[in-house]
């Protein structure tokens, strides 16, 4: 879970860095917002595992599946193009279901 959490933080920071350093990245506000919400929600899942030494396996499986789909759909490298933006938006569709997953057990 910590590996996933550190990856989430890394991706979140990279998205913010891209936005701050490129002009064409302004269309990615929704992706950055979704990822920040997911980062906060996943942090509470990690915290819950530490406190109770357990986590609901169905929730964890759903998170892992969606993260793998997200990573699989990410563009391989940055380019300043509409196609790159479209690829990031497609990847973001795998994060959206995690914004509403119930992690309060």
PDB file of N, CA and C in Angstrom:
ATOM      1  N   UNK A   1       0.820  -1.202   0.000  1.00  0.00           N
ATOM      2  CA  UNK A   1       0.000   0.000   0.000  1.00  0.00           C
ATOM      3  C   UNK A   1       0.858   1.259   0.000  1.00  0.00           C
ATOM      4  N   UNK A   2       1.996   1.192   0.705  1.00  0.00           N
ATOM      5  CA  UNK A   2       2.860   2.376   0.738  1.00  0.00           C
ATOM      6  C   UNK A   2       3.473   2.642  -0.626  1.00  0.00           C
ATOM      7  N   UNK A   3       3.807   1.572  -1.361  1.00  0.00           N
ATOM      8  CA  UNK A   3       4.353   1.758  -2.707  1.00  0.00           C
ATOM      9  C   UNK A   3       3.342   2.461  -3.602  1.00  0.00           C
ATOM     10  N   UNK A   4       2.090   2.020  -3.513  1.00  0.00           N
ATOM     11  CA  UNK A   4       1.038   2.668  -4.307  1.00  0.00           C
ATOM     12  C   UNK A   4       0.891   4.129  -3.889  1.00  0.00           C
ATOM     13  N   UNK A   5       0.893   4.364  -2.580  1.00  0.00           N
ATOM     14  CA  UNK A   5       0.726   5.740  -2.091  1.00  0.00           C
ATOM     15  C   UNK A   5       1.863   6.647  -2.545  1.00  0.00           C
ATOM     16  N   UNK A   6       3.099   6.155  -2.485  1.00  0.00           N
ATOM     17  CA  UNK A   6       4.219   6.993  -2.940  1.00  0.00           C
ATOM     18  C   UNK A   6       4.141   7.229  -4.449  1.00  0.00           C
ATOM     19  N   UNK A   7       3.643   6.244  -5.204  1.00  0.00           N
ATOM     20  CA  UNK A   7       3.446   6.445  -6.644  1.00  0.00           C
ATOM     21  C   UNK A   7       2.385   7.507  -6.909  1.00  0.00           C
ATOM     22  N   UNK A   8       1.312   7.480  -6.125  1.00  0.00           N
ATOM     23  CA  UNK A   8       0.249   8.478  -6.263  1.00  0.00           C
ATOM     24  C   UNK A   8       0.808   9.878  -6.001  1.00  0.00           C
ATOM     25  N   UNK A   9       1.593  10.007  -4.944  1.00  0.00           N
ATOM     26  CA  UNK A   9       2.203  11.303  -4.625  1.00  0.00           C
ATOM     27  C   UNK A   9       3.113  11.752  -5.759  1.00  0.00           C
ATOM     28  N   UNK A  10       3.918  10.822  -6.284  1.00  0.00           N
ATOM     29  CA  UNK A  10       4.837  11.149  -7.371  1.00  0.00           C
ATOM     30  C   UNK A  10       4.076  11.647  -8.606  1.00  0.00           C
ATOM     31  N   UNK A  11       3.040  10.899  -9.012  1.00  0.00           N
ATOM     32  CA  UNK A  11       2.258  11.301 -10.192  1.00  0.00           C
ATOM     33  C   UNK A  11       1.595  12.652  -9.946  1.00  0.00           C
ATOM     34  N   UNK A  12       1.037  12.838  -8.756  1.00  0.00           N
ATOM     35  CA  UNK A  12       0.385  14.104  -8.422  1.00  0.00           C
ATOM     36  C   UNK A  12       1.363  15.276  -8.529  1.00  0.00           C
ATOM     37  N   UNK A  13       2.561  15.089  -7.990  1.00  0.00           N
ATOM     38  CA  UNK A  13       3.584  16.141  -8.050  1.00  0.00           C
ATOM     39  C   UNK A  13       4.042  16.397  -9.480  1.00  0.00           C
ATOM     40  N   UNK A  14       4.175  15.338 -10.284  1.00  0.00           N
ATOM     41  CA  UNK A  14       4.592  15.510 -11.684  1.00  0.00           C
ATOM     42  C   UNK A  14       3.523  16.251 -12.485  1.00  0.00           C
ATOM     43  N   UNK A  15       2.259  15.948 -12.255  1.00  0.00           N
ATOM     44  CA  UNK A  15       1.186  16.652 -12.948  1.00  0.00           C
ATOM     45  C   UNK A  15       1.213  18.139 -12.604  1.00  0.00           C
ATOM     46  N   UNK A  16       1.398  18.437 -11.335  1.00  0.00           N
ATOM     47  CA  UNK A  16       1.470  19.835 -10.901  1.00  0.00           C
ATOM     48  C   UNK A  16       2.672  20.525 -11.541  1.00  0.00           C
ATOM     49  N   UNK A  17       3.801  19.842 -11.578  1.00  0.00           N
ATOM     50  CA  UNK A  17       5.011  20.407 -12.191  1.00  0.00           C
ATOM     51  C   UNK A  17       4.797  20.662 -13.681  1.00  0.00           C
ATOM     52  N   UNK A  18       4.171  19.714 -14.378  1.00  0.00           N
ATOM     53  CA  UNK A  18       3.882  19.919 -15.800  1.00  0.00           C
ATOM     54  C   UNK A  18       2.988  21.133 -16.008  1.00  0.00           C
ATOM     55  N   UNK A  19       1.978  21.248 -15.183  1.00  0.00           N
ATOM     56  CA  UNK A  19       1.061  22.385 -15.320  1.00  0.00           C
ATOM     57  C   UNK A  19       1.781  23.711 -15.103  1.00  0.00           C
ATOM     58  N   UNK A  20       2.654  23.751 -14.101  1.00  0.00           N
ATOM     59  CA  UNK A  20       3.357  24.991 -13.777  1.00  0.00           C
ATOM     60  C   UNK A  20       4.408  25.367 -14.813  1.00  0.00           C
ATOM     61  N   UNK A  21       4.910  24.387 -15.579  1.00  0.00           N
ATOM     62  CA  UNK A  21       6.023  24.645 -16.486  1.00  0.00           C
ATOM     63  C   UNK A  21       5.683  24.557 -17.970  1.00  0.00           C
ATOM     64  N   UNK A  22       4.425  24.345 -18.298  1.00  0.00           N
ATOM     65  CA  UNK A  22       4.038  24.283 -19.705  1.00  0.00           C
ATOM     66  C   UNK A  22       2.781  25.105 -19.933  1.00  0.00           C
ATOM     67  N   UNK A  23       2.698  25.658 -21.110  1.00  0.00           N
ATOM     68  CA  UNK A  23       1.517  26.456 -21.447  1.00  0.00           C
ATOM     69  C   UNK A  23       0.349  25.573 -21.873  1.00  0.00           C
ATOM     70  N   UNK A  24       0.644  24.463 -22.531  1.00  0.00           N
ATOM     71  CA  UNK A  24      -0.413  23.624 -23.093  1.00  0.00           C
ATOM     72  C   UNK A  24      -1.069  22.718 -22.064  1.00  0.00           C
ATOM     73  N   UNK A  25      -0.615  22.750 -20.833  1.00  0.00           N
ATOM     74  CA  UNK A  25      -1.129  21.842 -19.823  1.00  0.00           C
ATOM     75  C   UNK A  25      -2.343  22.385 -19.082  1.00  0.00           C
ATOM     76  N   UNK A  26      -2.812  23.546 -19.467  1.00  0.00           N
ATOM     77  CA  UNK A  26      -3.938  24.162 -18.757  1.00  0.00           C
ATOM     78  C   UNK A  26      -5.223  23.350 -18.855  1.00  0.00           C
ATOM     79  N   UNK A  27      -5.324  22.486 -19.851  1.00  0.00           N
ATOM     80  CA  UNK A  27      -6.521  21.664 -20.014  1.00  0.00           C
ATOM     81  C   UNK A  27      -6.576  20.508 -19.012  1.00  0.00           C
ATOM     82  N   UNK A  28      -5.541  20.349 -18.215  1.00  0.00           N
ATOM     83  CA  UNK A  28      -5.449  19.206 -17.329  1.00  0.00           C
ATOM     84  C   UNK A  28      -5.894  19.507 -15.898  1.00  0.00           C
ATOM     85  N   UNK A  29      -6.551  20.618 -15.686  1.00  0.00           N
ATOM     86  CA  UNK A  29      -6.998  20.981 -14.337  1.00  0.00           C
ATOM     87  C   UNK A  29      -7.884  19.903 -13.719  1.00  0.00           C
ATOM     88  N   UNK A  30      -8.768  19.322 -14.512  1.00  0.00           N
ATOM     89  CA  UNK A  30      -9.677  18.299 -13.978  1.00  0.00           C
ATOM     90  C   UNK A  30      -8.897  17.061 -13.545  1.00  0.00           C
ATOM     91  N   UNK A  31      -7.924  16.640 -14.355  1.00  0.00           N
ATOM     92  CA  UNK A  31      -7.107  15.483 -13.992  1.00  0.00           C
ATOM     93  C   UNK A  31      -6.333  15.753 -12.706  1.00  0.00           C
ATOM     94  N   UNK A  32      -5.731  16.915 -12.597  1.00  0.00           N
ATOM     95  CA  UNK A  32      -4.971  17.270 -11.390  1.00  0.00           C
ATOM     96  C   UNK A  32      -5.892  17.278 -10.174  1.00  0.00           C
ATOM     97  N   UNK A  33      -7.071  17.848 -10.323  1.00  0.00           N
ATOM     98  CA  UNK A  33      -8.036  17.888  -9.225  1.00  0.00           C
ATOM     99  C   UNK A  33      -8.477  16.478  -8.825  1.00  0.00           C
ATOM    100  N   UNK A  34      -8.808  15.642  -9.807  1.00  0.00           N
ATOM    101  CA  UNK A  34      -9.225  14.268  -9.519  1.00  0.00           C
ATOM    102  C   UNK A  34      -8.124  13.512  -8.787  1.00  0.00           C
ATOM    103  N   UNK A  35      -6.893  13.687  -9.257  1.00  0.00           N
ATOM    104  CA  UNK A  35      -5.797  12.954  -8.646  1.00  0.00           C
ATOM    105  C   UNK A  35      -5.528  13.434  -7.225  1.00  0.00           C
ATOM    106  N   UNK A  36      -5.708  14.731  -6.963  1.00  0.00           N
ATOM    107  CA  UNK A  36      -5.513  15.250  -5.615  1.00  0.00           C
ATOM    108  C   UNK A  36      -6.589  14.694  -4.674  1.00  0.00           C
ATOM    109  N   UNK A  37      -7.830  14.652  -5.131  1.00  0.00           N
ATOM    110  CA  UNK A  37      -8.904  14.082  -4.320  1.00  0.00           C
ATOM    111  C   UNK A  37      -8.607  12.617  -4.020  1.00  0.00           C
ATOM    112  N   UNK A  38      -8.194  11.874  -5.051  1.00  0.00           N
ATOM    113  CA  UNK A  38      -7.873  10.467  -4.848  1.00  0.00           C
ATOM    114  C   UNK A  38      -6.696  10.306  -3.889  1.00  0.00           C
ATOM    115  N   UNK A  39      -5.705  11.159  -4.004  1.00  0.00           N
ATOM    116  CA  UNK A  39      -4.543  11.101  -3.102  1.00  0.00           C
ATOM    117  C   UNK A  39      -4.980  11.254  -1.637  1.00  0.00           C
ATOM    118  N   UNK A  40      -5.854  12.183  -1.385  1.00  0.00           N
ATOM    119  CA  UNK A  40      -6.341  12.417  -0.024  1.00  0.00           C
ATOM    120  C   UNK A  40      -7.162  11.221   0.472  1.00  0.00           C
ATOM    121  N   UNK A  41      -8.032  10.689  -0.387  1.00  0.00           N
ATOM    122  CA  UNK A  41      -8.864   9.542   0.008  1.00  0.00           C
ATOM    123  C   UNK A  41      -8.017   8.291   0.223  1.00  0.00           C
ATOM    124  N   UNK A  42      -7.020   8.079  -0.615  1.00  0.00           N
ATOM    125  CA  UNK A  42      -6.171   6.903  -0.462  1.00  0.00           C
ATOM    126  C   UNK A  42      -5.317   7.019   0.797  1.00  0.00           C
ATOM    127  N   UNK A  43      -4.904   8.233   1.142  1.00  0.00           N
ATOM    128  CA  UNK A  43      -4.133   8.435   2.377  1.00  0.00           C
ATOM    129  C   UNK A  43      -4.935   7.948   3.577  1.00  0.00           C
ATOM    130  N   UNK A  44      -6.242   8.180   3.580  1.00  0.00           N
ATOM    131  CA  UNK A  44      -7.048   7.715   4.707  1.00  0.00           C
ATOM    132  C   UNK A  44      -7.152   6.193   4.719  1.00  0.00           C
ATOM    133  N   UNK A  45      -7.117   5.562   3.536  1.00  0.00           N
ATOM    134  CA  UNK A  45      -7.118   4.106   3.464  1.00  0.00           C
ATOM    135  C   UNK A  45      -5.821   3.541   4.047  1.00  0.00           C
ATOM    136  N   UNK A  46      -4.698   4.154   3.700  1.00  0.00           N
ATOM    137  CA  UNK A  46      -3.406   3.732   4.256  1.00  0.00           C
ATOM    138  C   UNK A  46      -3.388   3.937   5.765  1.00  0.00           C
ATOM    139  N   UNK A  47      -3.883   5.087   6.215  1.00  0.00           N
ATOM    140  CA  UNK A  47      -3.939   5.380   7.644  1.00  0.00           C
ATOM    141  C   UNK A  47      -4.788   4.342   8.375  1.00  0.00           C
ATOM    142  N   UNK A  48      -5.912   3.968   7.779  1.00  0.00           N
ATOM    143  CA  UNK A  48      -6.792   2.977   8.385  1.00  0.00           C
ATOM    144  C   UNK A  48      -6.087   1.634   8.525  1.00  0.00           C
ATOM    145  N   UNK A  49      -5.297   1.254   7.519  1.00  0.00           N
ATOM    146  CA  UNK A  49      -4.577  -0.010   7.601  1.00  0.00           C
ATOM    147  C   UNK A  49      -3.565   0.023   8.744  1.00  0.00           C
ATOM    148  N   UNK A  50      -2.900   1.156   8.921  1.00  0.00           N
ATOM    149  CA  UNK A  50      -1.913   1.281   9.995  1.00  0.00           C
ATOM    150  C   UNK A  50      -2.592   1.177  11.360  1.00  0.00           C
ATOM    151  N   UNK A  51      -3.699   1.859  11.523  1.00  0.00           N
ATOM    152  CA  UNK A  51      -4.392   1.894  12.812  1.00  0.00           C
ATOM    153  C   UNK A  51      -5.023   0.544  13.147  1.00  0.00           C
ATOM    154  N   UNK A  52      -5.708  -0.065  12.204  1.00  0.00           N
ATOM    155  CA  UNK A  52      -6.438  -1.301  12.494  1.00  0.00           C
ATOM    156  C   UNK A  52      -5.690  -2.550  12.048  1.00  0.00           C
ATOM    157  N   UNK A  53      -4.572  -2.372  11.356  1.00  0.00           N
ATOM    158  CA  UNK A  53      -3.779  -3.477  10.831  1.00  0.00           C
ATOM    159  C   UNK A  53      -4.606  -4.363   9.903  1.00  0.00           C
ATOM    160  N   UNK A  54      -5.610  -3.761   9.263  1.00  0.00           N
ATOM    161  CA  UNK A  54      -6.392  -4.503   8.282  1.00  0.00           C
ATOM    162  C   UNK A  54      -7.016  -3.513   7.305  1.00  0.00           C
ATOM    163  N   UNK A  55      -7.402  -4.032   6.183  1.00  0.00           N
ATOM    164  CA  UNK A  55      -8.078  -3.211   5.187  1.00  0.00           C
ATOM    165  C   UNK A  55      -9.049  -4.124   4.443  1.00  0.00           C
ATOM    166  N   UNK A  56     -10.154  -3.584   4.025  1.00  0.00           N
ATOM    167  CA  UNK A  56     -11.163  -4.345   3.305  1.00  0.00           C
ATOM    168  C   UNK A  56     -10.584  -4.772   1.957  1.00  0.00           C
ATOM    169  N   UNK A  57     -10.478  -6.078   1.737  1.00  0.00           N
ATOM    170  CA  UNK A  57      -9.796  -6.595   0.545  1.00  0.00           C
ATOM    171  C   UNK A  57     -10.481  -6.192  -0.760  1.00  0.00           C
ATOM    172  N   UNK A  58     -11.814  -6.074  -0.763  1.00  0.00           N
ATOM    173  CA  UNK A  58     -12.514  -5.670  -1.982  1.00  0.00           C
ATOM    174  C   UNK A  58     -12.171  -4.236  -2.367  1.00  0.00           C
ATOM    175  N   UNK A  59     -12.062  -3.365  -1.370  1.00  0.00           N
ATOM    176  CA  UNK A  59     -11.707  -1.970  -1.636  1.00  0.00           C
ATOM    177  C   UNK A  59     -10.291  -1.907  -2.185  1.00  0.00           C
ATOM    178  N   UNK A  60      -9.378  -2.611  -1.548  1.00  0.00           N
ATOM    179  CA  UNK A  60      -7.990  -2.607  -1.989  1.00  0.00           C
ATOM    180  C   UNK A  60      -7.870  -3.173  -3.404  1.00  0.00           C
ATOM    181  N   UNK A  61      -8.579  -4.248  -3.702  1.00  0.00           N
ATOM    182  CA  UNK A  61      -8.540  -4.844  -5.037  1.00  0.00           C
ATOM    183  C   UNK A  61      -9.053  -3.861  -6.088  1.00  0.00           C
ATOM    184  N   UNK A  62     -10.125  -3.142  -5.778  1.00  0.00           N
ATOM    185  CA  UNK A  62     -10.682  -2.154  -6.709  1.00  0.00           C
ATOM    186  C   UNK A  62      -9.673  -1.042  -6.972  1.00  0.00           C
ATOM    187  N   UNK A  63      -9.019  -0.560  -5.907  1.00  0.00           N
ATOM    188  CA  UNK A  63      -8.030   0.502  -6.049  1.00  0.00           C
ATOM    189  C   UNK A  63      -6.871   0.020  -6.915  1.00  0.00           C
ATOM    190  N   UNK A  64      -6.359  -1.161  -6.630  1.00  0.00           N
ATOM    191  CA  UNK A  64      -5.227  -1.694  -7.386  1.00  0.00           C
ATOM    192  C   UNK A  64      -5.584  -1.866  -8.855  1.00  0.00           C
ATOM    193  N   UNK A  65      -6.763  -2.411  -9.143  1.00  0.00           N
ATOM    194  CA  UNK A  65      -7.195  -2.597 -10.533  1.00  0.00           C
ATOM    195  C   UNK A  65      -7.262  -1.266 -11.280  1.00  0.00           C
ATOM    196  N   UNK A  66      -7.889  -0.275 -10.661  1.00  0.00           N
ATOM    197  CA  UNK A  66      -8.053   1.016 -11.332  1.00  0.00           C
ATOM    198  C   UNK A  66      -6.705   1.722 -11.525  1.00  0.00           C
ATOM    199  N   UNK A  67      -5.802   1.617 -10.549  1.00  0.00           N
ATOM    200  CA  UNK A  67      -4.474   2.229 -10.681  1.00  0.00           C
ATOM    201  C   UNK A  67      -3.700   1.567 -11.811  1.00  0.00           C
ATOM    202  N   UNK A  68      -3.801   0.237 -11.926  1.00  0.00           N
ATOM    203  CA  UNK A  68      -3.110  -0.450 -13.009  1.00  0.00           C
ATOM    204  C   UNK A  68      -3.656  -0.032 -14.365  1.00  0.00           C
ATOM    205  N   UNK A  69      -4.969   0.123 -14.469  1.00  0.00           N
ATOM    206  CA  UNK A  69      -5.562   0.611 -15.717  1.00  0.00           C
ATOM    207  C   UNK A  69      -5.099   2.027 -16.022  1.00  0.00           C
ATOM    208  N   UNK A  70      -5.055   2.881 -14.984  1.00  0.00           N
ATOM    209  CA  UNK A  70      -4.590   4.260 -15.142  1.00  0.00           C
ATOM    210  C   UNK A  70      -3.159   4.276 -15.669  1.00  0.00           C
ATOM    211  N   UNK A  71      -2.281   3.520 -15.019  1.00  0.00           N
ATOM    212  CA  UNK A  71      -0.877   3.503 -15.432  1.00  0.00           C
ATOM    213  C   UNK A  71      -0.714   2.933 -16.834  1.00  0.00           C
ATOM    214  N   UNK A  72      -1.531   1.949 -17.194  1.00  0.00           N
ATOM    215  CA  UNK A  72      -1.460   1.365 -18.525  1.00  0.00           C
ATOM    216  C   UNK A  72      -1.870   2.319 -19.619  1.00  0.00           C
ATOM    217  N   UNK A  73      -2.757   3.253 -19.313  1.00  0.00           N
ATOM    218  CA  UNK A  73      -3.240   4.212 -20.306  1.00  0.00           C
ATOM    219  C   UNK A  73      -2.467   5.531 -20.336  1.00  0.00           C
ATOM    220  N   UNK A  74      -1.525   5.705 -19.407  1.00  0.00           N
ATOM    221  CA  UNK A  74      -0.744   6.946 -19.405  1.00  0.00           C
ATOM    222  C   UNK A  74       0.125   7.022 -20.656  1.00  0.00           C
ATOM    223  N   UNK A  75       0.296   8.227 -21.221  1.00  0.00           N
ATOM    224  CA  UNK A  75       1.227   8.378 -22.341  1.00  0.00           C
ATOM    225  C   UNK A  75       2.642   8.004 -21.899  1.00  0.00           C
ATOM    226  N   UNK A  76       3.418   7.472 -22.813  1.00  0.00           N
ATOM    227  CA  UNK A  76       4.771   7.008 -22.469  1.00  0.00           C
ATOM    228  C   UNK A  76       5.729   8.161 -22.207  1.00  0.00           C
ATOM    229  N   UNK A  77       5.539   9.283 -22.895  1.00  0.00           N
ATOM    230  CA  UNK A  77       6.393  10.452 -22.653  1.00  0.00           C
ATOM    231  C   UNK A  77       5.630  11.731 -22.961  1.00  0.00           C
ATOM    232  N   UNK A  78       6.105  12.821 -22.383  1.00  0.00           N
ATOM    233  CA  UNK A  78       5.428  14.110 -22.547  1.00  0.00           C
ATOM    234  C   UNK A  78       5.625  14.658 -23.952  1.00  0.00           C
ATOM    235  N   UNK A  79       4.571  15.209 -24.492  1.00  0.00           N
ATOM    236  CA  UNK A  79       4.661  15.996 -25.718  1.00  0.00           C
ATOM    237  C   UNK A  79       3.586  17.064 -25.664  1.00  0.00           C
ATOM    238  N   UNK A  80       3.881  18.181 -26.251  1.00  0.00           N
ATOM    239  CA  UNK A  80       2.937  19.293 -26.241  1.00  0.00           C
ATOM    240  C   UNK A  80       1.976  19.127 -27.413  1.00  0.00           C
ATOM    241  N   UNK A  81       0.937  18.319 -27.198  1.00  0.00           N
ATOM    242  CA  UNK A  81      -0.002  18.066 -28.287  1.00  0.00           C
ATOM    243  C   UNK A  81      -1.388  17.757 -27.732  1.00  0.00           C
ATOM    244  N   UNK A  82      -2.364  17.880 -28.606  1.00  0.00           N
ATOM    245  CA  UNK A  82      -3.743  17.539 -28.249  1.00  0.00           C
ATOM    246  C   UNK A  82      -3.863  16.033 -27.987  1.00  0.00           C
ATOM    247  N   UNK A  83      -3.113  15.225 -28.737  1.00  0.00           N
ATOM    248  CA  UNK A  83      -3.144  13.775 -28.545  1.00  0.00           C
ATOM    249  C   UNK A  83      -2.672  13.394 -27.137  1.00  0.00           C
ATOM    250  N   UNK A  84      -1.618  14.066 -26.657  1.00  0.00           N
ATOM    251  CA  UNK A  84      -1.108  13.821 -25.309  1.00  0.00           C
ATOM    252  C   UNK A  84      -2.190  14.148 -24.276  1.00  0.00           C
ATOM    253  N   UNK A  85      -2.835  15.292 -24.456  1.00  0.00           N
ATOM    254  CA  UNK A  85      -3.910  15.695 -23.549  1.00  0.00           C
ATOM    255  C   UNK A  85      -5.043  14.676 -23.573  1.00  0.00           C
ATOM    256  N   UNK A  86      -5.395  14.193 -24.754  1.00  0.00           N
ATOM    257  CA  UNK A  86      -6.457  13.191 -24.869  1.00  0.00           C
ATOM    258  C   UNK A  86      -6.079  11.887 -24.173  1.00  0.00           C
ATOM    259  N   UNK A  87      -4.800  11.489 -24.266  1.00  0.00           N
ATOM    260  CA  UNK A  87      -4.346  10.273 -23.593  1.00  0.00           C
ATOM    261  C   UNK A  87      -4.431  10.432 -22.077  1.00  0.00           C
ATOM    262  N   UNK A  88      -4.043  11.588 -21.572  1.00  0.00           N
ATOM    263  CA  UNK A  88      -4.138  11.824 -20.128  1.00  0.00           C
ATOM    264  C   UNK A  88      -5.592  11.824 -19.665  1.00  0.00           C
ATOM    265  N   UNK A  89      -6.464  12.412 -20.461  1.00  0.00           N
ATOM    266  CA  UNK A  89      -7.886  12.413 -20.107  1.00  0.00           C
ATOM    267  C   UNK A  89      -8.459  11.000 -20.104  1.00  0.00           C
ATOM    268  N   UNK A  90      -8.012  10.162 -21.029  1.00  0.00           N
ATOM    269  CA  UNK A  90      -8.468   8.768 -21.058  1.00  0.00           C
ATOM    270  C   UNK A  90      -7.987   8.040 -19.806  1.00  0.00           C
ATOM    271  N   UNK A  91      -6.747   8.280 -19.414  1.00  0.00           N
ATOM    272  CA  UNK A  91      -6.215   7.657 -18.199  1.00  0.00           C
ATOM    273  C   UNK A  91      -7.001   8.126 -16.976  1.00  0.00           C
ATOM    274  N   UNK A  92      -7.381   9.387 -16.959  1.00  0.00           N
ATOM    275  CA  UNK A  92      -8.122   9.954 -15.826  1.00  0.00           C
ATOM    276  C   UNK A  92      -9.455   9.245 -15.603  1.00  0.00           C
ATOM    277  N   UNK A  93     -10.028   8.681 -16.649  1.00  0.00           N
ATOM    278  CA  UNK A  93     -11.311   7.990 -16.499  1.00  0.00           C
ATOM    279  C   UNK A  93     -11.203   6.790 -15.561  1.00  0.00           C
ATOM    280  N   UNK A  94      -9.980   6.277 -15.356  1.00  0.00           N
ATOM    281  CA  UNK A  94      -9.784   5.171 -14.418  1.00  0.00           C
ATOM    282  C   UNK A  94      -9.676   5.662 -12.976  1.00  0.00           C
ATOM    283  N   UNK A  95      -9.375   6.938 -12.789  1.00  0.00           N
ATOM    284  CA  UNK A  95      -9.272   7.510 -11.445  1.00  0.00           C
ATOM    285  C   UNK A  95     -10.662   7.919 -10.943  1.00  0.00           C
ATOM    286  N   UNK A  96     -11.505   8.395 -11.827  1.00  0.00           N
ATOM    287  CA  UNK A  96     -12.826   8.898 -11.431  1.00  0.00           C
ATOM    288  C   UNK A  96     -13.637   7.927 -10.564  1.00  0.00           C
ATOM    289  N   UNK A  97     -13.704   6.623 -10.871  1.00  0.00           N
ATOM    290  CA  UNK A  97     -14.483   5.725  -9.994  1.00  0.00           C
ATOM    291  C   UNK A  97     -13.926   5.659  -8.571  1.00  0.00           C
ATOM    292  N   UNK A  98     -12.640   5.919  -8.416  1.00  0.00           N
ATOM    293  CA  UNK A  98     -12.031   5.852  -7.092  1.00  0.00           C
ATOM    294  C   UNK A  98     -12.378   7.060  -6.239  1.00  0.00           C
ATOM    295  N   UNK A  99     -12.869   8.121  -6.853  1.00  0.00           N
ATOM    296  CA  UNK A  99     -13.241   9.317  -6.093  1.00  0.00           C
ATOM    297  C   UNK A  99     -14.502   9.055  -5.260  1.00  0.00           C
ATOM    298  N   UNK A 100     -15.263   8.036  -5.644  1.00  0.00           N
ATOM    299  CA  UNK A 100     -16.538   7.767  -4.986  1.00  0.00           C
ATOM    300  C   UNK A 100     -16.567   6.411  -4.291  1.00  0.00           C
ATOM    301  N   UNK A 101     -15.454   5.702  -4.283  1.00  0.00           N
ATOM    302  CA  UNK A 101     -15.413   4.400  -3.627  1.00  0.00           C
ATOM    303  C   UNK A 101     -15.498   4.588  -2.109  1.00  0.00           C
ATOM    304  N   UNK A 102     -16.246   3.724  -1.474  1.00  0.00           N
ATOM    305  CA  UNK A 102     -16.409   3.826  -0.026  1.00  0.00           C
ATOM    306  C   UNK A 102     -15.205   3.196   0.670  1.00  0.00           C
ATOM    307  N   UNK A 103     -14.429   4.029   1.347  1.00  0.00           N
ATOM    308  CA  UNK A 103     -13.262   3.498   2.066  1.00  0.00           C
ATOM    309  C   UNK A 103     -13.448   3.592   3.566  1.00  0.00           C
ATOM    310  N   UNK A 104     -14.589   4.072   4.014  1.00  0.00           N
ATOM    311  CA  UNK A 104     -14.877   4.141   5.451  1.00  0.00           C
ATOM    312  C   UNK A 104     -15.482   2.817   5.888  1.00  0.00           C
ATOM    313  N   UNK A 105     -14.682   2.034   6.583  1.00  0.00           N
ATOM    314  CA  UNK A 105     -15.159   0.719   6.996  1.00  0.00           C
ATOM    315  C   UNK A 105     -15.474   0.689   8.464  1.00  0.00           C
TER     316      UNK A 105
END
